[in-house]
Amino acid sequence: MTTYAVTGATGGLGSAAVEALLDRGVAAGDVVAVVRNPEKADALRSAGVDVRVADYGDPTALRAALTGVDRVLLVSGSEVGQRVSQHRNVIDAAAEVGVTLIAYTSILRADTSPLALATEHVATERVLAESGIPTVLLRNGWYWENYLAAAPQAIETGVLYGSAGNGSVAAASRRDYAAAAATALVEASGGEVYELAGDEHPTYAQIAATLAEVSGKPVHYTDIPESDYAAALTEAGIPAPMAAILADSDAGVAQGALDSDSTDLATLTGRSSTPLAEVLRAGLGSVTA
């Protein structure tokens, strides 16, 4: 019997990965959900999953949470600037309790990516390599869900802003990446590097056109300088450091940093990636009603 742990298990990707493991036929009792807030884990408990509480910043709790676990899906943390030390805590705890494999959710072509977001992922990949634990790198591309936050305003104003130029983005849905992670966690032996990207390759102009299609309202794309886009995001309430990273990622699209012809995602999931229009329809709800 193999026991699987998923960190960040009440988050969007983590919860979807737990669901994907159960869909694959893994018994709920063989799945450990490592969560920071137990109050958000009621659905996991109801499904029979073993819920354990540990924060990425608490090495003692992490050791307890991973005790008896064979394979860990390390979902990258969300606190930019603190992620390397947090990930190291998980990796060290895993090594101490005898975990036999870690699958880590990195970023597309992390080792060559120009994106600021890649820096902490590269550092984490290095920590994993030094740990001696067999590792699977799940280098996730962009998420279609990343466009949902800006979608309502774009539909209302008729303009989608960004700094992506004519670059294309091969994104996929959160559930696509979760399904791939579940497959890798169960089947991989360690040493695999998966470059995960979707089947569609739209430009931002085409993303705007899809927003128009889904909403029934005209939407077009307007490209603006990276600094202006970062300022606009800050004015919209996003903290300046995160706004800078998001604008940098948009500029990276213009350089091809989030586009890829890799078929690794389809290979792991056994199907095509979820279309952008489908994710937008599901996520926008009443906006498009």
C-alpha atoms as a PDB file:
ATOM      1  CA  MET A   1       0.000   0.000   0.000  1.00  0.00           C
ATOM      2  CA  THR A   2       1.328   3.417  -1.009  1.00  0.00           C
ATOM      3  CA  THR A   3       0.388   6.577   0.871  1.00  0.00           C
ATOM      4  CA  TYR A   4       0.225   9.849  -1.021  1.00  0.00           C
ATOM      5  CA  ALA A   5       0.326  13.342   0.471  1.00  0.00           C
ATOM      6  CA  VAL A   6      -0.738  16.568  -1.224  1.00  0.00           C
ATOM      7  CA  THR A   7       0.384  19.837   0.306  1.00  0.00           C
ATOM      8  CA  GLY A   8      -1.748  22.964   0.037  1.00  0.00           C
ATOM      9  CA  ALA A   9      -4.672  20.596  -0.247  1.00  0.00           C
ATOM     10  CA  THR A  10      -7.419  23.167   0.278  1.00  0.00           C
ATOM     11  CA  GLY A  11      -6.074  25.427  -2.476  1.00  0.00           C
ATOM     12  CA  GLY A  12      -7.268  25.345  -6.060  1.00  0.00           C
ATOM     13  CA  LEU A  13      -4.568  23.051  -7.452  1.00  0.00           C
ATOM     14  CA  GLY A  14      -4.105  20.973  -4.307  1.00  0.00           C
ATOM     15  CA  SER A  15      -7.785  20.189  -3.846  1.00  0.00           C
ATOM     16  CA  ALA A  16      -8.102  19.325  -7.538  1.00  0.00           C
ATOM     17  CA  ALA A  17      -5.087  17.004  -7.221  1.00  0.00           C
ATOM     18  CA  VAL A  18      -6.663  15.181  -4.273  1.00  0.00           C
ATOM     19  CA  GLU A  19      -9.827  14.763  -6.329  1.00  0.00           C
ATOM     20  CA  ALA A  20      -7.780  13.491  -9.277  1.00  0.00           C
ATOM     21  CA  LEU A  21      -6.084  10.894  -7.080  1.00  0.00           C
ATOM     22  CA  LEU A  22      -9.464   9.638  -5.878  1.00  0.00           C
ATOM     23  CA  ASP A  23     -10.729   9.579  -9.469  1.00  0.00           C
ATOM     24  CA  ARG A  24      -7.766   7.364 -10.356  1.00  0.00           C
ATOM     25  CA  GLY A  25      -8.974   4.845  -7.782  1.00  0.00           C
ATOM     26  CA  VAL A  26      -6.571   5.672  -4.954  1.00  0.00           C
ATOM     27  CA  ALA A  27      -8.361   4.880  -1.696  1.00  0.00           C
ATOM     28  CA  ALA A  28      -9.253   7.952   0.328  1.00  0.00           C
ATOM     29  CA  GLY A  29      -7.550   6.443   3.355  1.00  0.00           C
ATOM     30  CA  ASP A  30      -4.290   6.348   1.403  1.00  0.00           C
ATOM     31  CA  VAL A  31      -4.402  10.086   0.698  1.00  0.00           C
ATOM     32  CA  VAL A  32      -3.055  12.629   3.186  1.00  0.00           C
ATOM     33  CA  ALA A  33      -4.207  16.212   2.724  1.00  0.00           C
ATOM     34  CA  VAL A  34      -1.727  18.624   4.280  1.00  0.00           C
ATOM     35  CA  VAL A  35      -3.606  21.833   5.016  1.00  0.00           C
ATOM     36  CA  ARG A  36      -2.908  25.123   6.739  1.00  0.00           C
ATOM     37  CA  ASN A  37      -6.498  25.864   7.729  1.00  0.00           C
ATOM     38  CA  PRO A  38      -8.405  22.806   8.988  1.00  0.00           C
ATOM     39  CA  GLU A  39     -11.696  24.709   8.846  1.00  0.00           C
ATOM     40  CA  LYS A  40     -11.482  24.609   5.053  1.00  0.00           C
ATOM     41  CA  ALA A  41     -10.965  20.853   4.937  1.00  0.00           C
ATOM     42  CA  ASP A  42     -14.466  19.598   5.782  1.00  0.00           C
ATOM     43  CA  ALA A  43     -15.074  18.281   2.268  1.00  0.00           C
ATOM     44  CA  LEU A  44     -11.807  16.370   2.356  1.00  0.00           C
ATOM     45  CA  ARG A  45     -12.686  14.771   5.688  1.00  0.00           C
ATOM     46  CA  SER A  46     -16.144  13.892   4.404  1.00  0.00           C
ATOM     47  CA  ALA A  47     -14.496  12.076   1.491  1.00  0.00           C
ATOM     48  CA  GLY A  48     -12.470   9.995   3.936  1.00  0.00           C
ATOM     49  CA  VAL A  49      -9.147  11.700   3.264  1.00  0.00           C
ATOM     50  CA  ASP A  50      -6.640  11.893   6.132  1.00  0.00           C
ATOM     51  CA  VAL A  51      -6.393  15.616   6.913  1.00  0.00           C
ATOM     52  CA  ARG A  52      -3.242  16.794   8.688  1.00  0.00           C
ATOM     53  CA  VAL A  53      -2.472  20.375   9.645  1.00  0.00           C
ATOM     54  CA  ALA A  54       0.899  21.923   8.826  1.00  0.00           C
ATOM     55  CA  ASP A  55       2.072  25.295   7.597  1.00  0.00           C
ATOM     56  CA  TYR A  56       5.016  25.521   5.177  1.00  0.00           C
ATOM     57  CA  GLY A  57       6.762  27.619   7.807  1.00  0.00           C
ATOM     58  CA  ASP A  58       6.497  24.990  10.570  1.00  0.00           C
ATOM     59  CA  PRO A  59       9.117  22.219  10.204  1.00  0.00           C
ATOM     60  CA  THR A  60       7.889  20.295  13.257  1.00  0.00           C
ATOM     61  CA  ALA A  61       4.300  20.172  12.005  1.00  0.00           C
ATOM     62  CA  LEU A  62       5.505  19.217   8.531  1.00  0.00           C
ATOM     63  CA  ARG A  63       7.471  16.256   9.898  1.00  0.00           C
ATOM     64  CA  ALA A  64       4.398  15.055  11.744  1.00  0.00           C
ATOM     65  CA  ALA A  65       2.170  15.553   8.713  1.00  0.00           C
ATOM     66  CA  LEU A  66       4.479  13.587   6.407  1.00  0.00           C
ATOM     67  CA  THR A  67       5.226  10.723   8.759  1.00  0.00           C
ATOM     68  CA  GLY A  68       4.171   7.448   7.153  1.00  0.00           C
ATOM     69  CA  VAL A  69       3.831   9.049   3.705  1.00  0.00           C
ATOM     70  CA  ASP A  70       5.517   7.456   0.690  1.00  0.00           C
ATOM     71  CA  ARG A  71       4.993  10.032  -2.070  1.00  0.00           C
ATOM     72  CA  VAL A  72       4.422  13.769  -1.804  1.00  0.00           C
ATOM     73  CA  LEU A  73       2.957  16.267  -4.241  1.00  0.00           C
ATOM     74  CA  LEU A  74       4.605  19.528  -3.197  1.00  0.00           C
ATOM     75  CA  VAL A  75       2.324  22.263  -4.493  1.00  0.00           C
ATOM     76  CA  SER A  76       4.385  25.428  -4.714  1.00  0.00           C
ATOM     77  CA  GLY A  77       3.522  28.066  -2.139  1.00  0.00           C
ATOM     78  CA  SER A  78       1.858  31.358  -2.936  1.00  0.00           C
ATOM     79  CA  GLU A  79       4.000  33.687  -0.827  1.00  0.00           C
ATOM     80  CA  VAL A  80       6.417  35.061  -3.394  1.00  0.00           C
ATOM     81  CA  GLY A  81       9.747  35.867  -1.784  1.00  0.00           C
ATOM     82  CA  GLN A  82       9.361  33.213   0.901  1.00  0.00           C
ATOM     83  CA  ARG A  83       8.799  30.140  -1.194  1.00  0.00           C
ATOM     84  CA  VAL A  84      12.325  28.736  -1.297  1.00  0.00           C
ATOM     85  CA  SER A  85      12.648  28.560   2.479  1.00  0.00           C
ATOM     86  CA  GLN A  86       9.100  27.226   2.786  1.00  0.00           C
ATOM     87  CA  HIS A  87       9.688  24.552   0.163  1.00  0.00           C
ATOM     88  CA  ARG A  88      12.972  23.632   1.829  1.00  0.00           C
ATOM     89  CA  ASN A  89      11.058  23.009   5.055  1.00  0.00           C
ATOM     90  CA  VAL A  90       8.788  20.534   3.255  1.00  0.00           C
ATOM     91  CA  ILE A  91      11.693  18.837   1.488  1.00  0.00           C
ATOM     92  CA  ASP A  92      13.764  18.542   4.671  1.00  0.00           C
ATOM     93  CA  ALA A  93      10.791  17.115   6.545  1.00  0.00           C
ATOM     94  CA  ALA A  94      10.192  14.622   3.753  1.00  0.00           C
ATOM     95  CA  ALA A  95      13.806  13.496   3.865  1.00  0.00           C
ATOM     96  CA  GLU A  96      13.734  13.082   7.637  1.00  0.00           C
ATOM     97  CA  VAL A  97      10.647  10.852   7.641  1.00  0.00           C
ATOM     98  CA  GLY A  98      11.673   8.714   4.662  1.00  0.00           C
ATOM     99  CA  VAL A  99       9.469   9.940   1.836  1.00  0.00           C
ATOM    100  CA  THR A 100      10.459   8.052  -1.315  1.00  0.00           C
ATOM    101  CA  LEU A 101       9.380  10.520  -4.031  1.00  0.00           C
ATOM    102  CA  ILE A 102       8.446  14.190  -4.363  1.00  0.00           C
ATOM    103  CA  ALA A 103       6.581  15.659  -7.318  1.00  0.00           C
ATOM    104  CA  TYR A 104       6.963  19.442  -7.416  1.00  0.00           C
ATOM    105  CA  THR A 105       4.817  21.956  -9.292  1.00  0.00           C
ATOM    106  CA  SER A 106       7.379  24.201 -10.951  1.00  0.00           C
ATOM    107  CA  ILE A 107       7.019  26.531 -13.962  1.00  0.00           C
ATOM    108  CA  LEU A 108       7.374  25.948 -17.700  1.00  0.00           C
ATOM    109  CA  ARG A 109      11.034  25.590 -18.722  1.00  0.00           C
ATOM    110  CA  ALA A 110      12.092  26.871 -15.304  1.00  0.00           C
ATOM    111  CA  ASP A 111      15.810  26.477 -15.973  1.00  0.00           C
ATOM    112  CA  THR A 112      15.756  28.775 -19.025  1.00  0.00           C
ATOM    113  CA  SER A 113      12.694  30.936 -18.366  1.00  0.00           C
ATOM    114  CA  PRO A 114      13.152  34.731 -18.392  1.00  0.00           C
ATOM    115  CA  LEU A 115      10.229  35.172 -15.984  1.00  0.00           C
ATOM    116  CA  ALA A 116      10.832  36.604 -12.526  1.00  0.00           C
ATOM    117  CA  LEU A 117       8.479  33.912 -11.239  1.00  0.00           C
ATOM    118  CA  ALA A 118      10.951  31.242 -12.328  1.00  0.00           C
ATOM    119  CA  THR A 119      13.663  32.297  -9.875  1.00  0.00           C
ATOM    120  CA  GLU A 120      12.188  30.618  -6.803  1.00  0.00           C
ATOM    121  CA  HIS A 121      11.191  27.553  -8.805  1.00  0.00           C
ATOM    122  CA  VAL A 122      14.766  27.091 -10.068  1.00  0.00           C
ATOM    123  CA  ALA A 123      16.058  27.444  -6.524  1.00  0.00           C
ATOM    124  CA  THR A 124      13.539  24.873  -5.287  1.00  0.00           C
ATOM    125  CA  GLU A 125      14.495  22.464  -8.059  1.00  0.00           C
ATOM    126  CA  ARG A 126      18.084  22.821  -6.867  1.00  0.00           C
ATOM    127  CA  VAL A 127      17.097  22.046  -3.268  1.00  0.00           C
ATOM    128  CA  LEU A 128      15.264  18.968  -4.479  1.00  0.00           C
ATOM    129  CA  ALA A 129      18.287  17.793  -6.446  1.00  0.00           C
ATOM    130  CA  GLU A 130      20.484  18.211  -3.372  1.00  0.00           C
ATOM    131  CA  SER A 131      18.027  16.365  -1.118  1.00  0.00           C
ATOM    132  CA  GLY A 132      18.673  12.974  -2.659  1.00  0.00           C
ATOM    133  CA  ILE A 133      14.948  12.217  -2.777  1.00  0.00           C
ATOM    134  CA  PRO A 134      13.773  10.926  -6.173  1.00  0.00           C
ATOM    135  CA  THR A 135      11.993  13.866  -7.766  1.00  0.00           C
ATOM    136  CA  VAL A 136       9.481  14.546 -10.520  1.00  0.00           C
ATOM    137  CA  LEU A 137       9.373  18.079 -11.890  1.00  0.00           C
ATOM    138  CA  LEU A 138       5.935  19.172 -13.046  1.00  0.00           C
ATOM    139  CA  ARG A 139       6.765  22.369 -14.913  1.00  0.00           C
ATOM    140  CA  ASN A 140       3.311  23.850 -15.235  1.00  0.00           C
ATOM    141  CA  GLY A 141       2.527  26.417 -17.876  1.00  0.00           C
ATOM    142  CA  TRP A 142       0.052  29.243 -17.357  1.00  0.00           C
ATOM    143  CA  TYR A 143      -3.434  28.646 -15.977  1.00  0.00           C
ATOM    144  CA  TRP A 144      -6.526  29.759 -17.894  1.00  0.00           C
ATOM    145  CA  GLU A 145      -7.956  30.701 -14.510  1.00  0.00           C
ATOM    146  CA  ASN A 146      -5.343  33.464 -14.294  1.00  0.00           C
ATOM    147  CA  TYR A 147      -7.456  35.463 -16.746  1.00  0.00           C
ATOM    148  CA  LEU A 148     -10.670  35.241 -14.746  1.00  0.00           C
ATOM    149  CA  ALA A 149      -9.806  38.113 -12.394  1.00  0.00           C
ATOM    150  CA  ALA A 150      -9.480  40.612 -15.254  1.00  0.00           C
ATOM    151  CA  ALA A 151     -12.336  39.179 -17.292  1.00  0.00           C
ATOM    152  CA  PRO A 152     -15.325  40.986 -15.684  1.00  0.00           C
ATOM    153  CA  GLN A 153     -13.768  44.416 -16.122  1.00  0.00           C
ATOM    154  CA  ALA A 154     -12.673  43.572 -19.661  1.00  0.00           C
ATOM    155  CA  ILE A 155     -16.232  42.546 -20.505  1.00  0.00           C
ATOM    156  CA  GLU A 156     -17.668  45.648 -18.855  1.00  0.00           C
ATOM    157  CA  THR A 157     -15.268  48.102 -20.513  1.00  0.00           C
ATOM    158  CA  GLY A 158     -14.739  46.221 -23.756  1.00  0.00           C
ATOM    159  CA  VAL A 159     -10.954  46.280 -23.306  1.00  0.00           C
ATOM    160  CA  LEU A 160      -8.505  43.625 -22.127  1.00  0.00           C
ATOM    161  CA  TYR A 161      -5.203  45.238 -21.169  1.00  0.00           C
ATOM    162  CA  GLY A 162      -1.818  43.569 -21.059  1.00  0.00           C
ATOM    163  CA  SER A 163       1.815  43.688 -22.123  1.00  0.00           C
ATOM    164  CA  ALA A 164       2.000  40.457 -24.095  1.00  0.00           C
ATOM    165  CA  GLY A 165       2.338  41.943 -27.578  1.00  0.00           C
ATOM    166  CA  ASN A 166       1.652  39.302 -30.208  1.00  0.00           C
ATOM    167  CA  GLY A 167       2.988  36.489 -28.050  1.00  0.00           C
ATOM    168  CA  SER A 168       1.057  33.252 -27.598  1.00  0.00           C
ATOM    169  CA  VAL A 169       0.299  31.399 -24.379  1.00  0.00           C
ATOM    170  CA  ALA A 170      -0.208  27.622 -24.215  1.00  0.00           C
ATOM    171  CA  ALA A 171      -2.247  27.547 -21.031  1.00  0.00           C
ATOM    172  CA  ALA A 172      -4.507  24.877 -19.565  1.00  0.00           C
ATOM    173  CA  SER A 173      -6.986  24.571 -16.730  1.00  0.00           C
ATOM    174  CA  ARG A 174      -6.129  23.967 -13.106  1.00  0.00           C
ATOM    175  CA  ARG A 175      -7.837  20.589 -13.321  1.00  0.00           C
ATOM    176  CA  ASP A 176      -5.664  19.633 -16.302  1.00  0.00           C
ATOM    177  CA  TYR A 177      -2.508  20.242 -14.301  1.00  0.00           C
ATOM    178  CA  ALA A 178      -3.996  18.463 -11.274  1.00  0.00           C
ATOM    179  CA  ALA A 179      -4.801  15.381 -13.341  1.00  0.00           C
ATOM    180  CA  ALA A 180      -1.256  15.345 -14.699  1.00  0.00           C
ATOM    181  CA  ALA A 181       0.140  15.686 -11.187  1.00  0.00           C
ATOM    182  CA  ALA A 182      -1.935  12.776  -9.911  1.00  0.00           C
ATOM    183  CA  THR A 183      -0.736  10.532 -12.732  1.00  0.00           C
ATOM    184  CA  ALA A 184       2.891  11.455 -12.145  1.00  0.00           C
ATOM    185  CA  LEU A 185       2.596  11.001  -8.392  1.00  0.00           C
ATOM    186  CA  VAL A 186       1.257   7.473  -8.839  1.00  0.00           C
ATOM    187  CA  GLU A 187       3.235   6.280 -11.861  1.00  0.00           C
ATOM    188  CA  ALA A 188       6.583   8.107 -11.985  1.00  0.00           C
ATOM    189  CA  SER A 189       9.780   6.578 -10.673  1.00  0.00           C
ATOM    190  CA  GLY A 190      11.778   9.779 -10.197  1.00  0.00           C
ATOM    191  CA  GLY A 191      13.996  11.798 -12.514  1.00  0.00           C
ATOM    192  CA  GLU A 192      11.202  12.804 -14.890  1.00  0.00           C
ATOM    193  CA  VAL A 193      10.857  16.396 -16.054  1.00  0.00           C
ATOM    194  CA  TYR A 194       7.505  17.243 -17.595  1.00  0.00           C
ATOM    195  CA  GLU A 195       7.001  20.484 -19.524  1.00  0.00           C
ATOM    196  CA  LEU A 196       3.252  20.930 -19.177  1.00  0.00           C
ATOM    197  CA  ALA A 197       1.365  23.129 -21.612  1.00  0.00           C
ATOM    198  CA  GLY A 198      -2.050  23.200 -23.223  1.00  0.00           C
ATOM    199  CA  ASP A 199      -3.092  22.510 -26.790  1.00  0.00           C
ATOM    200  CA  GLU A 200      -4.339  26.025 -27.568  1.00  0.00           C
ATOM    201  CA  HIS A 201      -1.882  28.827 -28.366  1.00  0.00           C
ATOM    202  CA  PRO A 202      -3.899  32.066 -28.388  1.00  0.00           C
ATOM    203  CA  THR A 203      -2.502  35.564 -28.462  1.00  0.00           C
ATOM    204  CA  TYR A 204      -4.035  38.095 -26.105  1.00  0.00           C
ATOM    205  CA  ALA A 205      -6.052  39.446 -29.014  1.00  0.00           C
ATOM    206  CA  GLN A 206      -7.522  35.968 -29.418  1.00  0.00           C
ATOM    207  CA  ILE A 207      -8.130  35.706 -25.662  1.00  0.00           C
ATOM    208  CA  ALA A 208     -10.067  38.978 -25.899  1.00  0.00           C
ATOM    209  CA  ALA A 209     -12.038  37.520 -28.809  1.00  0.00           C
ATOM    210  CA  THR A 210     -12.879  34.469 -26.696  1.00  0.00           C
ATOM    211  CA  LEU A 211     -14.083  36.753 -23.915  1.00  0.00           C
ATOM    212  CA  ALA A 212     -16.312  38.443 -26.461  1.00  0.00           C
ATOM    213  CA  GLU A 213     -17.606  35.087 -27.672  1.00  0.00           C
ATOM    214  CA  VAL A 214     -18.393  33.886 -24.153  1.00  0.00           C
ATOM    215  CA  SER A 215     -19.944  37.130 -22.926  1.00  0.00           C
ATOM    216  CA  GLY A 216     -21.734  38.187 -26.097  1.00  0.00           C
ATOM    217  CA  LYS A 217     -20.171  41.632 -25.698  1.00  0.00           C
ATOM    218  CA  PRO A 218     -17.392  43.242 -27.744  1.00  0.00           C
ATOM    219  CA  VAL A 219     -13.927  42.933 -26.182  1.00  0.00           C
ATOM    220  CA  HIS A 220     -10.622  43.844 -27.791  1.00  0.00           C
ATOM    221  CA  TYR A 221      -7.037  43.705 -26.599  1.00  0.00           C
ATOM    222  CA  THR A 222      -4.951  46.815 -25.960  1.00  0.00           C
ATOM    223  CA  ASP A 223      -1.225  46.366 -25.475  1.00  0.00           C
ATOM    224  CA  ILE A 224       0.498  48.757 -23.081  1.00  0.00           C
ATOM    225  CA  PRO A 225       4.073  49.052 -21.741  1.00  0.00           C
ATOM    226  CA  GLU A 226       5.005  46.702 -18.906  1.00  0.00           C
ATOM    227  CA  SER A 227       5.511  49.583 -16.448  1.00  0.00           C
ATOM    228  CA  ASP A 228       2.084  51.018 -17.261  1.00  0.00           C
ATOM    229  CA  TYR A 229       0.465  47.631 -16.824  1.00  0.00           C
ATOM    230  CA  ALA A 230       2.149  47.146 -13.438  1.00  0.00           C
ATOM    231  CA  ALA A 231       0.900  50.581 -12.377  1.00  0.00           C
ATOM    232  CA  ALA A 232      -2.631  49.735 -13.511  1.00  0.00           C
ATOM    233  CA  LEU A 233      -2.573  46.510 -11.521  1.00  0.00           C
ATOM    234  CA  THR A 234      -1.391  48.381  -8.458  1.00  0.00           C
ATOM    235  CA  GLU A 235      -4.193  50.910  -8.874  1.00  0.00           C
ATOM    236  CA  ALA A 236      -6.607  47.979  -9.038  1.00  0.00           C
ATOM    237  CA  GLY A 237      -5.503  46.929  -5.559  1.00  0.00           C
ATOM    238  CA  ILE A 238      -2.800  44.361  -6.274  1.00  0.00           C
ATOM    239  CA  PRO A 239       0.284  44.825  -4.040  1.00  0.00           C
ATOM    240  CA  ALA A 240       3.122  46.453  -5.967  1.00  0.00           C
ATOM    241  CA  PRO A 241       5.564  43.499  -5.764  1.00  0.00           C
ATOM    242  CA  MET A 242       2.946  41.089  -7.123  1.00  0.00           C
ATOM    243  CA  ALA A 243       1.827  43.604  -9.753  1.00  0.00           C
ATOM    244  CA  ALA A 244       5.418  43.825 -10.966  1.00  0.00           C
ATOM    245  CA  ILE A 245       5.662  40.031 -11.217  1.00  0.00           C
ATOM    246  CA  LEU A 246       2.375  39.762 -13.116  1.00  0.00           C
ATOM    247  CA  ALA A 247       3.436  42.492 -15.541  1.00  0.00           C
ATOM    248  CA  ASP A 248       6.787  40.754 -15.978  1.00  0.00           C
ATOM    249  CA  SER A 249       4.949  37.521 -16.792  1.00  0.00           C
ATOM    250  CA  ASP A 250       2.867  39.327 -19.410  1.00  0.00           C
ATOM    251  CA  ALA A 251       6.021  40.719 -20.962  1.00  0.00           C
ATOM    252  CA  GLY A 252       7.398  37.190 -20.898  1.00  0.00           C
ATOM    253  CA  VAL A 253       4.490  36.060 -23.067  1.00  0.00           C
ATOM    254  CA  ALA A 254       5.764  38.453 -25.716  1.00  0.00           C
ATOM    255  CA  GLN A 255       9.091  36.588 -25.563  1.00  0.00           C
ATOM    256  CA  GLY A 256       7.461  33.169 -25.893  1.00  0.00           C
ATOM    257  CA  ALA A 257       8.105  32.242 -22.268  1.00  0.00           C
ATOM    258  CA  LEU A 258       4.639  30.747 -21.760  1.00  0.00           C
ATOM    259  CA  ASP A 259       4.212  29.067 -25.112  1.00  0.00           C
ATOM    260  CA  SER A 260       5.225  25.490 -25.830  1.00  0.00           C
ATOM    261  CA  ASP A 261       4.593  22.639 -28.251  1.00  0.00           C
ATOM    262  CA  SER A 262       5.237  20.029 -25.560  1.00  0.00           C
ATOM    263  CA  THR A 263       2.687  17.216 -25.447  1.00  0.00           C
ATOM    264  CA  ASP A 264       3.623  16.086 -21.929  1.00  0.00           C
ATOM    265  CA  LEU A 265       0.340  17.313 -20.454  1.00  0.00           C
ATOM    266  CA  ALA A 266      -1.760  15.307 -22.901  1.00  0.00           C
ATOM    267  CA  THR A 267       0.474  12.284 -22.370  1.00  0.00           C
ATOM    268  CA  LEU A 268      -0.050  12.358 -18.605  1.00  0.00           C
ATOM    269  CA  THR A 269      -3.778  13.108 -18.683  1.00  0.00           C
ATOM    270  CA  GLY A 270      -4.623  10.983 -21.715  1.00  0.00           C
ATOM    271  CA  ARG A 271      -6.760  13.736 -23.240  1.00  0.00           C
ATOM    272  CA  SER A 272      -6.693  17.182 -24.797  1.00  0.00           C
ATOM    273  CA  SER A 273      -6.426  20.172 -22.507  1.00  0.00           C
ATOM    274  CA  THR A 274      -9.534  22.097 -21.471  1.00  0.00           C
ATOM    275  CA  PRO A 275     -10.415  24.908 -23.908  1.00  0.00           C
ATOM    276  CA  LEU A 276     -10.140  28.501 -22.723  1.00  0.00           C
ATOM    277  CA  ALA A 277     -13.781  29.176 -23.590  1.00  0.00           C
ATOM    278  CA  GLU A 278     -14.919  26.342 -21.329  1.00  0.00           C
ATOM    279  CA  VAL A 279     -12.932  27.661 -18.369  1.00  0.00           C
ATOM    280  CA  LEU A 280     -14.209  31.198 -18.922  1.00  0.00           C
ATOM    281  CA  ARG A 281     -17.845  30.066 -19.137  1.00  0.00           C
ATOM    282  CA  ALA A 282     -17.521  28.072 -15.929  1.00  0.00           C
ATOM    283  CA  GLY A 283     -15.668  30.782 -14.054  1.00  0.00           C
ATOM    284  CA  LEU A 284     -17.562  33.879 -15.098  1.00  0.00           C
ATOM    285  CA  GLY A 285     -21.028  32.666 -14.101  1.00  0.00           C
ATOM    286  CA  SER A 286     -23.463  35.538 -13.819  1.00  0.00           C
ATOM    287  CA  VAL A 287     -21.193  37.914 -15.741  1.00  0.00           C
ATOM    288  CA  THR A 288     -22.092  36.109 -18.942  1.00  0.00           C
ATOM    289  CA  ALA A 289     -25.663  35.207 -17.986  1.00  0.00           C
END
